[in-house]
Each structure stands twice: as C-alpha cells, then as structure tokens.
Amino acid sequence: SEPRLKRLRRISHILDNAILVPGTHTRIGLDPILGLLPGAGDTLTGLMSVYIVFEAARMGVPTATLGKMGANILFDLLTGTVPVLGDLVDVTWKANSQNMALLEKHVAKPEPSRAADKMFAIALLICLVALVLGIASLSVWLVTQAVGLLR
C-alpha cells in the first residue's frame, strides 16, 4: 500500500504544489495552470483528482470521508468554471492536498469498511467523472460561443 500512497502523494503534489512562485512562499501546481485551457485542462486535472478518490475507495476509506473528498472536488470543479477566479481559487483551495490529508488520516488510523461503502464509492466516482466531463464540455462550448461573438 505504501507504493500506492507514494504515487498518490506525487500526483497531489504535481496538481497542487509543484511550482514555487518566484519571490514568494506560495506554491502552485498544474491544476490552476492547466485550468486555463478550456475543456482539456479541467478534464485532465479533474480526472486525476477523481483517481485519488478512486484509490482511496480501494483502500477502504469510509463513506463519510469519501463524501468529503467528493465535496472537495465538486467545489474545485464548480469554482473552476469561473474564468480566472476559478484558477485563483485553485491556488488556495488545493482540493487534492486536502483529499490526501483525509486519506493519510485514514491510513494512520483505518476504520473498517462496509459493503455499502462500495456502492456509495461507485456512485460517487460515476457522478464525479460525469461532472468533470460535463463541466469540461460546458467550458469548451462557452469558449466557442465567445469566439463566435467576436467574429
């Protein structure tokens, strides 16, 4: 399980904290940078965020914690739909880092999982993937409409 945690930590770090902003103590990741690319950036980073939740579910994280992780991603996705402001929120919100902290807390003191957790996890993951793809599609549509208005 340690190699899996190491991989998830690396993904979270790349998405949320990989780059030190010169002259500051602020770190950003690829999430706000790729979020500037309508559709593609949000899809890639969103699916990577969902992957962290998927692995957490496989590791037996309880329903309540999975729900918190899903809510973190939902907030990140919804704020990400607002141009520029959403990317600024990504710099401070760091949903993946928050989700990793929840996962690390579970790993340090695991709670037994129940069979019902699997159904919740499946439904949550399906909803999150659908949201990522839907919001990415909406972003692309909005950009094409805006470009159409400029012509």
N, C-alpha and C. Protein backbone atom coordinates (compact mmCIF):
# COMPACT_ATOMS: atom_id res chain seq x y z
N SER A 1 0.81 -1.21 0.00
CA SER A 1 0.00 0.00 0.00
C SER A 1 0.86 1.27 0.00
N GLU A 2 2.08 1.18 0.51
CA GLU A 2 2.97 2.35 0.54
C GLU A 2 3.32 2.85 -0.87
N PRO A 3 3.59 1.96 -1.85
CA PRO A 3 3.83 2.48 -3.21
C PRO A 3 2.62 3.22 -3.77
N ARG A 4 1.42 2.75 -3.46
CA ARG A 4 0.20 3.42 -3.91
C ARG A 4 0.09 4.81 -3.28
N LEU A 5 0.34 4.89 -1.97
CA LEU A 5 0.31 6.19 -1.28
C LEU A 5 1.35 7.14 -1.85
N LYS A 6 2.53 6.62 -2.11
CA LYS A 6 3.61 7.45 -2.67
C LYS A 6 3.19 8.03 -4.03
N ARG A 7 2.56 7.19 -4.87
CA ARG A 7 2.10 7.63 -6.19
C ARG A 7 1.02 8.71 -6.04
N LEU A 8 0.08 8.50 -5.11
CA LEU A 8 -0.99 9.47 -4.89
C LEU A 8 -0.45 10.78 -4.33
N ARG A 9 0.53 10.70 -3.43
CA ARG A 9 1.16 11.92 -2.92
C ARG A 9 1.82 12.70 -4.05
N ARG A 10 2.48 11.98 -4.96
CA ARG A 10 3.16 12.63 -6.08
C ARG A 10 2.14 13.32 -6.99
N ILE A 11 1.05 12.64 -7.29
CA ILE A 11 0.00 13.23 -8.14
C ILE A 11 -0.56 14.49 -7.48
N SER A 12 -0.88 14.39 -6.19
CA SER A 12 -1.41 15.54 -5.46
C SER A 12 -0.42 16.70 -5.47
N HIS A 13 0.84 16.39 -5.24
CA HIS A 13 1.88 17.43 -5.23
C HIS A 13 1.98 18.12 -6.59
N ILE A 14 1.98 17.33 -7.66
CA ILE A 14 2.07 17.89 -9.01
C ILE A 14 0.86 18.79 -9.30
N LEU A 15 -0.31 18.37 -8.89
CA LEU A 15 -1.53 19.14 -9.16
C LEU A 15 -1.64 20.40 -8.31
N ASP A 16 -1.12 20.36 -7.06
CA ASP A 16 -1.37 21.46 -6.13
C ASP A 16 -0.15 22.27 -5.70
N ASN A 17 1.06 21.69 -5.71
CA ASN A 17 2.18 22.36 -5.04
C ASN A 17 3.53 22.24 -5.74
N ALA A 18 3.59 21.83 -6.96
CA ALA A 18 4.87 21.51 -7.61
C ALA A 18 5.77 22.71 -7.88
N ILE A 19 5.20 23.89 -8.04
CA ILE A 19 5.98 25.05 -8.50
C ILE A 19 5.98 26.15 -7.44
N LEU A 20 7.16 26.58 -7.05
CA LEU A 20 7.28 27.72 -6.14
C LEU A 20 7.20 29.00 -6.96
N VAL A 21 6.26 29.87 -6.59
CA VAL A 21 6.13 31.15 -7.28
C VAL A 21 7.33 32.02 -6.88
N PRO A 22 8.14 32.44 -7.85
CA PRO A 22 9.35 33.21 -7.53
C PRO A 22 9.06 34.44 -6.68
N GLY A 23 9.90 34.64 -5.67
CA GLY A 23 9.76 35.81 -4.81
C GLY A 23 8.69 35.68 -3.74
N THR A 24 8.07 34.50 -3.64
CA THR A 24 7.01 34.30 -2.64
C THR A 24 7.25 32.97 -1.92
N HIS A 25 6.40 32.70 -0.96
CA HIS A 25 6.38 31.40 -0.29
C HIS A 25 5.22 30.56 -0.81
N THR A 26 4.57 31.03 -1.86
CA THR A 26 3.39 30.38 -2.42
C THR A 26 3.80 29.30 -3.41
N ARG A 27 3.14 28.16 -3.30
CA ARG A 27 3.36 27.07 -4.24
C ARG A 27 2.07 26.83 -5.02
N ILE A 28 2.21 26.58 -6.29
CA ILE A 28 1.06 26.22 -7.13
C ILE A 28 1.39 24.92 -7.85
N GLY A 29 0.37 24.31 -8.38
CA GLY A 29 0.57 23.08 -9.15
C GLY A 29 0.06 23.26 -10.56
N LEU A 30 -0.05 22.15 -11.24
CA LEU A 30 -0.53 22.19 -12.62
C LEU A 30 -2.03 22.45 -12.71
N ASP A 31 -2.77 22.21 -11.63
CA ASP A 31 -4.22 22.38 -11.67
C ASP A 31 -4.63 23.79 -12.11
N PRO A 32 -4.16 24.86 -11.47
CA PRO A 32 -4.57 26.18 -11.94
C PRO A 32 -3.98 26.56 -13.30
N ILE A 33 -2.82 26.03 -13.63
CA ILE A 33 -2.19 26.34 -14.92
C ILE A 33 -2.95 25.66 -16.05
N LEU A 34 -3.18 24.35 -15.92
CA LEU A 34 -3.91 23.63 -16.96
C LEU A 34 -5.37 24.05 -17.01
N GLY A 35 -5.88 24.56 -15.88
CA GLY A 35 -7.26 25.03 -15.85
C GLY A 35 -7.50 26.20 -16.78
N LEU A 36 -6.43 26.86 -17.20
CA LEU A 36 -6.57 27.97 -18.15
C LEU A 36 -6.93 27.47 -19.55
N LEU A 37 -6.70 26.18 -19.83
CA LEU A 37 -7.05 25.60 -21.12
C LEU A 37 -8.48 25.10 -21.05
N PRO A 38 -9.41 25.76 -21.71
CA PRO A 38 -10.81 25.36 -21.62
C PRO A 38 -11.01 23.91 -22.05
N GLY A 39 -11.71 23.16 -21.21
CA GLY A 39 -12.04 21.78 -21.54
C GLY A 39 -10.93 20.81 -21.22
N ALA A 40 -9.86 20.86 -21.97
CA ALA A 40 -8.78 19.87 -21.85
C ALA A 40 -8.11 19.92 -20.49
N GLY A 41 -7.76 21.11 -20.02
CA GLY A 41 -7.07 21.25 -18.74
C GLY A 41 -7.94 20.78 -17.58
N ASP A 42 -9.19 21.22 -17.56
CA ASP A 42 -10.10 20.83 -16.50
C ASP A 42 -10.39 19.33 -16.53
N THR A 43 -10.46 18.76 -17.73
CA THR A 43 -10.70 17.33 -17.85
C THR A 43 -9.53 16.54 -17.28
N LEU A 44 -8.33 16.88 -17.69
CA LEU A 44 -7.14 16.16 -17.24
C LEU A 44 -6.97 16.26 -15.73
N THR A 45 -7.00 17.46 -15.19
CA THR A 45 -6.79 17.62 -13.74
C THR A 45 -7.97 17.05 -12.95
N GLY A 46 -9.17 17.20 -13.48
CA GLY A 46 -10.35 16.65 -12.79
C GLY A 46 -10.31 15.14 -12.71
N LEU A 47 -9.91 14.48 -13.80
CA LEU A 47 -9.83 13.02 -13.79
C LEU A 47 -8.71 12.54 -12.87
N MET A 48 -7.63 13.30 -12.79
CA MET A 48 -6.56 12.93 -11.86
C MET A 48 -7.04 13.07 -10.41
N SER A 49 -7.84 14.08 -10.14
CA SER A 49 -8.42 14.25 -8.81
C SER A 49 -9.36 13.10 -8.47
N VAL A 50 -10.17 12.69 -9.44
CA VAL A 50 -11.09 11.57 -9.25
C VAL A 50 -10.30 10.28 -9.01
N TYR A 51 -9.16 10.14 -9.68
CA TYR A 51 -8.32 8.96 -9.50
C TYR A 51 -7.88 8.83 -8.03
N ILE A 52 -7.54 9.94 -7.40
CA ILE A 52 -7.14 9.91 -5.99
C ILE A 52 -8.31 9.37 -5.14
N VAL A 53 -9.52 9.81 -5.42
CA VAL A 53 -10.69 9.33 -4.69
C VAL A 53 -10.93 7.85 -4.99
N PHE A 54 -10.75 7.45 -6.24
CA PHE A 54 -10.90 6.04 -6.63
C PHE A 54 -9.96 5.17 -5.81
N GLU A 55 -8.69 5.57 -5.73
CA GLU A 55 -7.71 4.78 -4.97
C GLU A 55 -8.05 4.80 -3.48
N ALA A 56 -8.54 5.93 -2.98
CA ALA A 56 -8.95 6.00 -1.57
C ALA A 56 -10.08 5.00 -1.30
N ALA A 57 -11.02 4.91 -2.22
CA ALA A 57 -12.12 3.95 -2.07
C ALA A 57 -11.57 2.52 -2.06
N ARG A 58 -10.62 2.24 -2.94
CA ARG A 58 -9.99 0.90 -2.98
C ARG A 58 -9.25 0.59 -1.69
N MET A 59 -8.79 1.63 -1.00
CA MET A 59 -8.06 1.45 0.25
C MET A 59 -8.99 1.37 1.47
N GLY A 60 -10.30 1.39 1.23
CA GLY A 60 -11.26 1.20 2.31
C GLY A 60 -11.64 2.43 3.08
N VAL A 61 -11.44 3.61 2.49
CA VAL A 61 -11.83 4.85 3.16
C VAL A 61 -13.35 4.83 3.36
N PRO A 62 -13.82 5.17 4.56
CA PRO A 62 -15.26 5.10 4.83
C PRO A 62 -16.08 6.12 4.02
N THR A 63 -17.37 5.84 3.96
CA THR A 63 -18.31 6.65 3.18
C THR A 63 -18.24 8.13 3.53
N ALA A 64 -18.22 8.47 4.80
CA ALA A 64 -18.22 9.88 5.20
C ALA A 64 -16.98 10.59 4.66
N THR A 65 -15.83 9.93 4.72
CA THR A 65 -14.60 10.53 4.22
C THR A 65 -14.62 10.64 2.71
N LEU A 66 -15.12 9.60 2.03
CA LEU A 66 -15.26 9.68 0.57
C LEU A 66 -16.18 10.83 0.18
N GLY A 67 -17.24 11.03 0.95
CA GLY A 67 -18.15 12.15 0.69
C GLY A 67 -17.45 13.49 0.81
N LYS A 68 -16.59 13.64 1.83
CA LYS A 68 -15.82 14.88 1.99
C LYS A 68 -14.86 15.08 0.81
N MET A 69 -14.24 13.99 0.39
CA MET A 69 -13.31 14.07 -0.73
C MET A 69 -14.06 14.48 -2.01
N GLY A 70 -15.23 13.89 -2.21
CA GLY A 70 -16.05 14.25 -3.36
C GLY A 70 -16.49 15.71 -3.31
N ALA A 71 -16.84 16.19 -2.11
CA ALA A 71 -17.25 17.59 -1.96
C ALA A 71 -16.09 18.53 -2.28
N ASN A 72 -14.88 18.16 -1.89
CA ASN A 72 -13.70 18.98 -2.22
C ASN A 72 -13.54 19.10 -3.74
N ILE A 73 -13.70 17.99 -4.43
CA ILE A 73 -13.57 18.01 -5.89
C ILE A 73 -14.72 18.80 -6.52
N LEU A 74 -15.92 18.60 -6.01
CA LEU A 74 -17.08 19.32 -6.53
C LEU A 74 -16.87 20.83 -6.42
N PHE A 75 -16.42 21.30 -5.25
CA PHE A 75 -16.16 22.73 -5.07
C PHE A 75 -15.10 23.20 -6.06
N ASP A 76 -14.04 22.42 -6.20
CA ASP A 76 -12.96 22.75 -7.13
C ASP A 76 -13.48 22.83 -8.57
N LEU A 77 -14.31 21.87 -8.96
CA LEU A 77 -14.85 21.86 -10.32
C LEU A 77 -15.78 23.04 -10.57
N LEU A 78 -16.66 23.31 -9.61
CA LEU A 78 -17.63 24.39 -9.80
C LEU A 78 -16.96 25.76 -9.83
N THR A 79 -16.01 25.98 -8.93
CA THR A 79 -15.31 27.28 -8.96
C THR A 79 -14.43 27.39 -10.19
N GLY A 80 -13.95 26.26 -10.69
CA GLY A 80 -13.11 26.25 -11.88
C GLY A 80 -13.83 26.70 -13.14
N THR A 81 -15.15 26.71 -13.11
CA THR A 81 -15.90 27.14 -14.29
C THR A 81 -15.87 28.66 -14.46
N VAL A 82 -15.49 29.37 -13.42
CA VAL A 82 -15.42 30.83 -13.49
C VAL A 82 -14.02 31.21 -13.98
N PRO A 83 -13.92 31.79 -15.19
CA PRO A 83 -12.60 32.12 -15.73
C PRO A 83 -11.78 32.98 -14.77
N VAL A 84 -10.53 32.71 -14.68
CA VAL A 84 -9.52 33.39 -13.88
C VAL A 84 -9.80 33.22 -12.38
N LEU A 85 -10.99 33.60 -11.90
CA LEU A 85 -11.32 33.45 -10.49
C LEU A 85 -11.18 31.98 -10.07
N GLY A 86 -11.67 31.08 -10.89
CA GLY A 86 -11.57 29.65 -10.59
C GLY A 86 -10.13 29.20 -10.46
N ASP A 87 -9.27 29.74 -11.30
CA ASP A 87 -7.85 29.38 -11.23
C ASP A 87 -7.19 29.96 -9.98
N LEU A 88 -7.63 31.14 -9.56
CA LEU A 88 -7.14 31.72 -8.32
C LEU A 88 -7.59 30.89 -7.11
N VAL A 89 -8.81 30.38 -7.17
CA VAL A 89 -9.31 29.51 -6.10
C VAL A 89 -8.45 28.24 -6.05
N ASP A 90 -8.10 27.69 -7.22
CA ASP A 90 -7.24 26.50 -7.28
C ASP A 90 -5.92 26.71 -6.55
N VAL A 91 -5.39 27.93 -6.61
CA VAL A 91 -4.12 28.23 -5.97
C VAL A 91 -4.24 28.11 -4.45
N THR A 92 -5.40 28.46 -3.90
CA THR A 92 -5.56 28.45 -2.45
C THR A 92 -6.33 27.25 -1.91
N TRP A 93 -7.29 26.73 -2.66
CA TRP A 93 -8.16 25.65 -2.17
C TRP A 93 -7.42 24.32 -2.08
N LYS A 94 -6.69 23.93 -3.11
CA LYS A 94 -5.86 22.72 -3.15
C LYS A 94 -6.65 21.48 -2.72
N ALA A 95 -7.67 21.16 -3.49
CA ALA A 95 -8.56 20.03 -3.18
C ALA A 95 -7.79 18.71 -3.08
N ASN A 96 -6.81 18.52 -3.93
CA ASN A 96 -6.07 17.26 -3.91
C ASN A 96 -5.25 17.11 -2.63
N SER A 97 -4.64 18.19 -2.18
CA SER A 97 -3.89 18.16 -0.92
C SER A 97 -4.83 17.88 0.26
N GLN A 98 -6.01 18.49 0.22
CA GLN A 98 -6.99 18.23 1.28
C GLN A 98 -7.43 16.76 1.25
N ASN A 99 -7.63 16.24 0.05
CA ASN A 99 -8.04 14.84 -0.06
C ASN A 99 -6.94 13.90 0.39
N MET A 100 -5.70 14.24 0.10
CA MET A 100 -4.60 13.40 0.56
C MET A 100 -4.50 13.44 2.09
N ALA A 101 -4.77 14.59 2.69
CA ALA A 101 -4.75 14.67 4.16
C ALA A 101 -5.84 13.76 4.75
N LEU A 102 -7.00 13.73 4.12
CA LEU A 102 -8.07 12.83 4.58
C LEU A 102 -7.65 11.37 4.41
N LEU A 103 -7.02 11.04 3.29
CA LEU A 103 -6.56 9.68 3.06
C LEU A 103 -5.47 9.29 4.06
N GLU A 104 -4.52 10.20 4.28
CA GLU A 104 -3.43 9.93 5.23
C GLU A 104 -3.98 9.70 6.64
N LYS A 105 -5.00 10.46 7.02
CA LYS A 105 -5.63 10.29 8.33
C LYS A 105 -6.24 8.90 8.43
N HIS A 106 -6.89 8.45 7.36
CA HIS A 106 -7.48 7.11 7.34
C HIS A 106 -6.41 6.04 7.44
N VAL A 107 -5.33 6.20 6.69
CA VAL A 107 -4.25 5.20 6.69
C VAL A 107 -3.61 5.12 8.08
N ALA A 108 -3.46 6.26 8.74
CA ALA A 108 -2.86 6.27 10.08
C ALA A 108 -3.74 5.56 11.10
N LYS A 109 -5.05 5.67 10.92
CA LYS A 109 -5.99 5.04 11.85
C LYS A 109 -7.19 4.52 11.05
N PRO A 110 -7.02 3.38 10.39
CA PRO A 110 -8.08 2.88 9.48
C PRO A 110 -9.37 2.52 10.22
N GLU A 111 -10.46 2.84 9.56
CA GLU A 111 -11.77 2.44 10.05
C GLU A 111 -12.25 1.30 9.15
N PRO A 112 -12.88 0.29 9.73
CA PRO A 112 -13.35 -0.81 8.89
C PRO A 112 -14.40 -0.33 7.88
N SER A 113 -14.33 -0.89 6.69
CA SER A 113 -15.25 -0.51 5.62
C SER A 113 -16.42 -1.49 5.59
N ARG A 114 -17.56 -1.02 5.11
CA ARG A 114 -18.74 -1.87 4.98
C ARG A 114 -19.05 -2.07 3.50
N ALA A 115 -19.82 -3.09 3.18
CA ALA A 115 -20.17 -3.38 1.79
C ALA A 115 -20.91 -2.20 1.15
N ALA A 116 -21.73 -1.50 1.93
CA ALA A 116 -22.48 -0.36 1.40
C ALA A 116 -21.53 0.73 0.90
N ASP A 117 -20.33 0.79 1.49
CA ASP A 117 -19.36 1.78 1.06
C ASP A 117 -19.00 1.59 -0.42
N LYS A 118 -18.97 0.36 -0.89
CA LYS A 118 -18.61 0.10 -2.30
C LYS A 118 -19.65 0.71 -3.24
N MET A 119 -20.91 0.55 -2.94
CA MET A 119 -21.96 1.12 -3.79
C MET A 119 -21.90 2.64 -3.77
N PHE A 120 -21.68 3.21 -2.60
CA PHE A 120 -21.54 4.67 -2.50
C PHE A 120 -20.33 5.13 -3.31
N ALA A 121 -19.22 4.42 -3.17
CA ALA A 121 -18.00 4.79 -3.88
C ALA A 121 -18.21 4.74 -5.39
N ILE A 122 -18.87 3.71 -5.87
CA ILE A 122 -19.13 3.58 -7.31
C ILE A 122 -20.00 4.74 -7.79
N ALA A 123 -21.07 5.02 -7.05
CA ALA A 123 -21.98 6.12 -7.43
C ALA A 123 -21.24 7.46 -7.40
N LEU A 124 -20.43 7.67 -6.35
CA LEU A 124 -19.67 8.92 -6.23
C LEU A 124 -18.71 9.08 -7.40
N LEU A 125 -17.97 8.03 -7.72
CA LEU A 125 -16.99 8.11 -8.81
C LEU A 125 -17.67 8.35 -10.16
N ILE A 126 -18.78 7.69 -10.40
CA ILE A 126 -19.52 7.91 -11.66
C ILE A 126 -19.99 9.36 -11.74
N CYS A 127 -20.54 9.87 -10.64
CA CYS A 127 -21.00 11.27 -10.63
C CYS A 127 -19.85 12.25 -10.83
N LEU A 128 -18.71 11.99 -10.18
CA LEU A 128 -17.57 12.89 -10.33
C LEU A 128 -17.03 12.89 -11.76
N VAL A 129 -16.90 11.72 -12.36
CA VAL A 129 -16.42 11.65 -13.75
C VAL A 129 -17.41 12.37 -14.67
N ALA A 130 -18.70 12.15 -14.46
CA ALA A 130 -19.71 12.82 -15.28
C ALA A 130 -19.62 14.34 -15.11
N LEU A 131 -19.41 14.80 -13.89
CA LEU A 131 -19.25 16.24 -13.64
C LEU A 131 -18.01 16.79 -14.32
N VAL A 132 -16.90 16.09 -14.22
CA VAL A 132 -15.66 16.54 -14.87
C VAL A 132 -15.89 16.69 -16.37
N LEU A 133 -16.45 15.65 -16.98
CA LEU A 133 -16.68 15.69 -18.43
C LEU A 133 -17.73 16.73 -18.81
N GLY A 134 -18.77 16.85 -18.01
CA GLY A 134 -19.82 17.84 -18.28
C GLY A 134 -19.31 19.27 -18.17
N ILE A 135 -18.55 19.55 -17.14
CA ILE A 135 -18.02 20.90 -16.96
C ILE A 135 -16.99 21.22 -18.03
N ALA A 136 -16.19 20.23 -18.41
CA ALA A 136 -15.23 20.45 -19.49
C ALA A 136 -15.96 20.75 -20.80
N SER A 137 -17.02 20.01 -21.07
CA SER A 137 -17.81 20.26 -22.28
C SER A 137 -18.43 21.65 -22.24
N LEU A 138 -18.95 22.04 -21.09
CA LEU A 138 -19.53 23.37 -20.92
C LEU A 138 -18.48 24.45 -21.18
N SER A 139 -17.27 24.25 -20.66
CA SER A 139 -16.19 25.22 -20.87
C SER A 139 -15.88 25.39 -22.35
N VAL A 140 -15.77 24.27 -23.05
CA VAL A 140 -15.47 24.33 -24.49
C VAL A 140 -16.61 25.04 -25.22
N TRP A 141 -17.84 24.72 -24.88
CA TRP A 141 -18.99 25.34 -25.53
C TRP A 141 -18.99 26.84 -25.28
N LEU A 142 -18.74 27.26 -24.03
CA LEU A 142 -18.72 28.69 -23.72
C LEU A 142 -17.62 29.43 -24.49
N VAL A 143 -16.46 28.81 -24.60
CA VAL A 143 -15.36 29.45 -25.35
C VAL A 143 -15.73 29.56 -26.81
N THR A 144 -16.31 28.52 -27.40
CA THR A 144 -16.69 28.59 -28.82
C THR A 144 -17.78 29.65 -29.03
N GLN A 145 -18.70 29.80 -28.07
CA GLN A 145 -19.73 30.85 -28.19
C GLN A 145 -19.09 32.22 -28.10
N ALA A 146 -18.15 32.39 -27.18
CA ALA A 146 -17.47 33.68 -27.03
C ALA A 146 -16.68 34.04 -28.29
N VAL A 147 -15.99 33.05 -28.84
CA VAL A 147 -15.21 33.28 -30.07
C VAL A 147 -16.16 33.63 -31.22
N GLY A 148 -17.31 32.96 -31.26
CA GLY A 148 -18.31 33.26 -32.27
C GLY A 148 -18.84 34.67 -32.18
N LEU A 149 -18.99 35.18 -30.98
CA LEU A 149 -19.45 36.56 -30.79
C LEU A 149 -18.41 37.59 -31.25
N LEU A 150 -17.14 37.20 -31.16
CA LEU A 150 -16.07 38.13 -31.57
C LEU A 150 -15.91 38.21 -33.06
N ARG A 151 -16.48 37.29 -33.79
CA ARG A 151 -16.33 37.30 -35.26
C ARG A 151 -17.26 38.24 -35.92
